[in-house]
N, C-alpha and C. Protein backbone atom coordinates (compact mmCIF):
# COMPACT_ATOMS: atom_id res chain seq x y z
N UNK A 1 0.80 -1.34 -0.06
CA UNK A 1 -0.03 0.17 -0.22
C UNK A 1 0.75 1.37 0.13
N UNK A 2 0.43 2.42 -0.78
CA UNK A 2 1.19 3.62 -0.98
C UNK A 2 0.37 4.70 -0.89
N UNK A 3 0.76 5.50 -0.12
CA UNK A 3 -0.46 6.75 0.10
C UNK A 3 0.50 7.70 -0.24
N UNK A 4 -0.38 8.59 -1.01
CA UNK A 4 -0.10 9.97 -2.26
C UNK A 4 -0.58 11.26 -1.24
N UNK A 5 0.03 12.03 -1.28
CA UNK A 5 -0.03 13.47 -0.89
C UNK A 5 -0.75 14.32 -2.52
N UNK A 6 -2.41 14.84 -2.42
CA UNK A 6 -2.46 15.56 -3.35
C UNK A 6 -2.75 17.14 -2.93
N UNK A 7 -1.47 17.98 -3.68
CA UNK A 7 -1.82 19.49 -3.49
C UNK A 7 -2.34 20.48 -4.30
N UNK A 8 -2.89 21.58 -4.07
CA UNK A 8 -3.33 22.58 -4.93
C UNK A 8 -4.25 22.24 -5.28
N UNK A 9 -5.60 21.49 -4.62
CA UNK A 9 -6.67 21.28 -4.97
C UNK A 9 -7.59 22.30 -4.82
N UNK A 10 -8.77 22.38 -5.89
CA UNK A 10 -9.37 23.19 -6.25
C UNK A 10 -10.25 23.18 -5.07
N UNK A 11 -10.85 24.27 -4.21
CA UNK A 11 -12.05 24.30 -3.08
C UNK A 11 -13.05 23.43 -3.27
N UNK A 12 -13.53 23.26 -4.47
CA UNK A 12 -14.72 22.45 -4.88
C UNK A 12 -14.28 21.02 -4.75
N UNK A 13 -12.91 20.63 -4.97
CA UNK A 13 -12.61 19.22 -5.20
C UNK A 13 -13.40 17.84 -4.04
N UNK A 14 -13.88 16.89 -5.02
CA UNK A 14 -14.37 16.15 -3.78
C UNK A 14 -13.67 15.34 -3.90
N UNK A 15 -13.76 13.95 -2.47
CA UNK A 15 -13.26 13.13 -2.43
C UNK A 15 -13.63 11.60 -3.22
N UNK A 16 -15.18 12.03 -3.93
CA UNK A 16 -15.20 10.79 -4.97
C UNK A 16 -14.68 11.22 -6.10
N UNK A 17 -13.81 12.37 -6.72
CA UNK A 17 -13.68 12.91 -7.81
C UNK A 17 -11.93 12.55 -7.63
N UNK A 18 -11.34 12.72 -6.80
CA UNK A 18 -9.96 12.02 -6.69
C UNK A 18 -10.26 10.57 -6.60
N UNK A 19 -10.86 9.94 -5.88
CA UNK A 19 -11.17 8.71 -6.12
C UNK A 19 -11.22 8.29 -7.47
N UNK A 20 -12.29 8.78 -8.24
CA UNK A 20 -12.39 8.37 -9.64
C UNK A 20 -11.15 8.64 -11.09
N UNK A 21 -10.56 9.74 -10.27
CA UNK A 21 -9.04 10.38 -11.12
C UNK A 21 -8.37 9.01 -11.05
N UNK A 22 -8.05 8.59 -9.57
CA UNK A 22 -6.84 7.88 -9.23
C UNK A 22 -7.32 5.90 -9.76
N UNK A 23 -8.44 6.08 -9.80
CA UNK A 23 -8.84 4.49 -10.13
C UNK A 23 -8.55 4.44 -11.37
N UNK A 24 -8.57 5.11 -12.48
CA UNK A 24 -7.65 4.66 -13.67
C UNK A 24 -6.42 3.83 -14.10
N UNK A 25 -5.67 4.10 -12.73
CA UNK A 25 -4.14 3.60 -12.78
C UNK A 25 -4.20 2.26 -11.64
N UNK A 26 -5.16 2.02 -10.88
CA UNK A 26 -5.48 1.02 -9.95
C UNK A 26 -6.27 1.31 -8.81
N UNK A 27 -6.55 0.01 -7.93
CA UNK A 27 -7.42 0.03 -6.89
C UNK A 27 -6.93 0.93 -5.67
N UNK A 28 -8.00 2.23 -5.62
CA UNK A 28 -8.17 2.98 -4.37
C UNK A 28 -8.70 2.61 -3.09
N UNK A 29 -7.89 2.41 -1.99
CA UNK A 29 -8.57 2.16 -0.84
C UNK A 29 -9.06 3.07 0.09
N UNK A 30 -8.35 4.61 0.11
CA UNK A 30 -9.00 5.36 0.51
C UNK A 30 -8.74 6.83 -0.33
N UNK A 31 -9.36 8.23 0.23
CA UNK A 31 -9.44 9.09 -0.55
C UNK A 31 -9.48 10.38 0.77
N UNK A 32 -8.79 11.29 1.11
CA UNK A 32 -9.31 12.22 2.15
C UNK A 32 -8.99 13.51 1.62
N UNK A 33 -9.88 14.65 1.97
CA UNK A 33 -9.41 15.56 1.07
C UNK A 33 -9.51 16.54 2.81
N UNK A 34 -8.41 17.17 3.64
CA UNK A 34 -8.23 18.05 4.53
C UNK A 34 -9.20 19.27 4.59
N UNK A 35 -10.01 19.53 5.32
CA UNK A 35 -10.47 20.31 6.02
C UNK A 35 -10.22 21.27 7.14
N UNK A 36 -10.71 22.52 7.05
CA UNK A 36 -10.37 23.41 8.46
C UNK A 36 -11.23 22.99 9.57
N UNK A 37 -11.02 23.10 10.84
CA UNK A 37 -11.54 22.56 11.69
C UNK A 37 -13.01 23.42 11.90
N UNK A 38 -12.25 24.84 11.92
CA UNK A 38 -13.66 25.86 12.01
C UNK A 38 -14.32 26.06 10.98
N UNK A 39 -14.00 26.15 9.72
CA UNK A 39 -15.12 26.72 9.10
C UNK A 39 -15.68 25.54 7.96
N UNK A 40 -14.72 24.63 8.33
CA UNK A 40 -14.93 23.11 7.62
C UNK A 40 -14.82 23.34 5.49
N UNK A 41 -14.54 24.11 5.30
CA UNK A 41 -13.84 24.34 4.17
C UNK A 41 -12.72 23.16 3.55
N UNK A 42 -12.31 23.36 2.61
CA UNK A 42 -11.09 22.12 2.25
C UNK A 42 -10.01 23.54 2.35
N UNK A 43 -8.87 22.59 2.90
CA UNK A 43 -7.54 23.17 2.83
C UNK A 43 -6.52 23.08 1.67
N UNK A 44 -7.39 22.64 0.51
CA UNK A 44 -6.43 22.56 -0.49
C UNK A 44 -5.65 21.18 -0.73
N UNK A 45 -5.81 20.46 0.13
CA UNK A 45 -5.13 19.01 -0.01
C UNK A 45 -5.28 18.06 0.51
N UNK A 46 -5.27 17.03 0.18
CA UNK A 46 -5.20 15.54 0.53
C UNK A 46 -4.77 14.42 0.42
N UNK A 47 -4.94 13.26 0.96
CA UNK A 47 -4.20 12.12 0.61
C UNK A 47 -5.07 11.10 0.27
N UNK A 48 -4.51 10.17 -0.59
CA UNK A 48 -5.03 9.04 -1.09
C UNK A 48 -3.94 7.40 -0.91
N UNK A 49 -4.65 6.96 -0.88
CA UNK A 49 -4.08 5.50 -0.32
C UNK A 49 -4.48 4.31 -1.63
N UNK A 50 -3.31 4.30 -2.48
CA UNK A 50 -3.78 2.83 -3.52
C UNK A 50 -2.90 1.46 -3.05
N UNK A 51 -3.69 0.45 -3.16
CA UNK A 51 -3.27 -0.98 -2.22
C UNK A 51 -1.92 -1.25 -3.44
N UNK A 52 -1.49 -0.86 -4.87
CA UNK A 52 -0.50 -1.54 -5.28
C UNK A 52 0.52 -0.02 -5.50
N UNK A 53 2.02 -0.14 -4.78
CA UNK A 53 2.68 0.68 -5.25
C UNK A 53 3.14 1.12 -6.45
N UNK A 54 3.14 -0.13 -7.28
CA UNK A 54 3.88 0.07 -9.04
C UNK A 54 2.75 0.94 -9.45
N UNK A 55 1.27 0.80 -9.13
CA UNK A 55 -0.05 1.48 -9.50
C UNK A 55 -0.02 3.12 -9.03
N UNK A 56 0.64 3.26 -8.16
CA UNK A 56 0.65 4.57 -7.17
C UNK A 56 1.55 5.54 -8.01
N UNK A 57 2.70 4.45 -8.05
CA UNK A 57 3.90 4.97 -8.88
C UNK A 57 3.65 5.51 -10.49
N UNK A 58 2.74 5.32 -10.88
CA UNK A 58 2.26 5.57 -12.65
C UNK A 58 1.37 6.67 -12.43
N UNK A 59 0.65 6.57 -11.05
CA UNK A 59 -0.66 7.74 -11.05
C UNK A 59 0.20 8.67 -10.62
N UNK A 60 1.10 9.26 -9.83
CA UNK A 60 2.07 10.03 -9.32
C UNK A 60 2.36 10.97 -11.10
N UNK A 61 2.74 9.69 -11.26
CA UNK A 61 3.74 9.93 -13.17
C UNK A 61 2.86 10.97 -13.74
N UNK A 62 1.58 10.62 -13.93
CA UNK A 62 0.41 11.00 -14.85
C UNK A 62 -0.27 11.78 -14.39
N UNK A 63 -0.10 12.39 -13.18
CA UNK A 63 -1.07 13.33 -12.58
C UNK A 63 -0.31 14.17 -11.99
N UNK A 64 0.41 14.18 -11.42
CA UNK A 64 1.48 15.50 -11.08
C UNK A 64 1.37 16.57 -12.21
N UNK A 65 1.19 17.80 -11.94
CA UNK A 65 0.98 19.21 -13.34
C UNK A 65 -0.16 19.09 -13.60
N UNK A 66 -1.40 17.92 -13.70
CA UNK A 66 -2.47 18.25 -14.21
C UNK A 66 -3.41 18.91 -13.86
N UNK A 67 -4.44 19.66 -14.75
CA UNK A 67 -5.37 20.28 -14.33
C UNK A 67 -6.53 19.84 -13.80
N UNK A 68 -6.95 20.81 -12.86
CA UNK A 68 -8.19 20.58 -12.29
C UNK A 68 -8.62 21.46 -11.66
N UNK A 69 -9.74 21.75 -12.31
CA UNK A 69 -10.65 22.94 -12.21
C UNK A 69 -9.71 24.56 -12.00
N UNK A 70 -8.52 23.97 -12.98
CA UNK A 70 -8.36 25.82 -13.23
C UNK A 70 -7.13 25.60 -12.44
N UNK A 71 -6.63 24.21 -11.70
CA UNK A 71 -5.48 24.60 -10.55
C UNK A 71 -4.50 22.95 -11.24
N UNK A 72 -3.21 23.57 -11.69
CA UNK A 72 -2.40 22.50 -11.34
C UNK A 72 -1.82 21.77 -10.06
N UNK A 73 -2.25 20.50 -10.21
CA UNK A 73 -2.01 19.60 -9.21
C UNK A 73 -0.89 19.17 -8.73
N UNK A 74 -0.52 19.27 -7.32
CA UNK A 74 0.85 18.92 -7.28
C UNK A 74 0.86 17.00 -6.59
N UNK A 75 1.00 16.05 -7.27
CA UNK A 75 1.17 14.70 -6.62
C UNK A 75 2.26 14.11 -6.12
N UNK A 76 2.62 13.70 -5.15
CA UNK A 76 4.06 12.87 -4.89
C UNK A 76 3.43 12.12 -3.83
N UNK A 77 4.75 11.02 -3.73
CA UNK A 77 4.70 10.14 -2.61
C UNK A 77 4.28 11.01 -1.41
N UNK A 78 3.98 10.82 -0.41
CA UNK A 78 3.41 11.42 0.88
C UNK A 78 4.73 10.59 1.70
N UNK A 79 4.94 11.85 2.61
CA UNK A 79 6.32 11.72 3.35
C UNK A 79 5.70 11.00 4.89
N UNK A 80 6.27 10.08 5.71
CA UNK A 80 5.66 9.68 6.81
C UNK A 80 5.94 10.92 7.89
N UNK A 81 4.86 11.01 8.87
CA UNK A 81 4.76 12.02 9.43
C UNK A 81 5.10 11.50 10.88
N UNK A 82 6.22 12.26 11.41
CA UNK A 82 6.64 11.73 12.98
C UNK A 82 5.67 11.87 13.75
N UNK A 83 5.30 11.23 14.74
CA UNK A 83 4.43 11.14 15.77
C UNK A 83 4.60 12.14 16.72
N UNK A 84 4.06 12.67 17.85
CA UNK A 84 3.89 13.78 18.61
C UNK A 84 4.30 15.20 17.79
N UNK A 85 3.79 15.58 17.08
CA UNK A 85 4.05 16.92 16.07
C UNK A 85 3.55 18.02 17.06
N UNK A 86 2.57 18.95 16.23
CA UNK A 86 2.47 20.24 16.98
C UNK A 86 1.59 19.91 17.64
N UNK A 87 1.25 20.58 18.55
CA UNK A 87 0.03 20.55 19.59
C UNK A 87 -0.68 21.68 19.99
């Protein structure tokens, strides 16, 4: 399983749209767009998990820089976050 970071999302993007976009490359296990805790509005980025690392690599190569809602997406492998971050 491989986790992918998707940045520069249009505010109107949905998790269903992300899943549909990435399913062309393989099986998507989850898609999450992060939202602001206070306003509920999209923060403009999200994460997606694909079951096969090879499929994820293909999706990253194909979709990085592509247009979604007038914005060029930033797509790359998500970096592992260390526990105990900001509080």
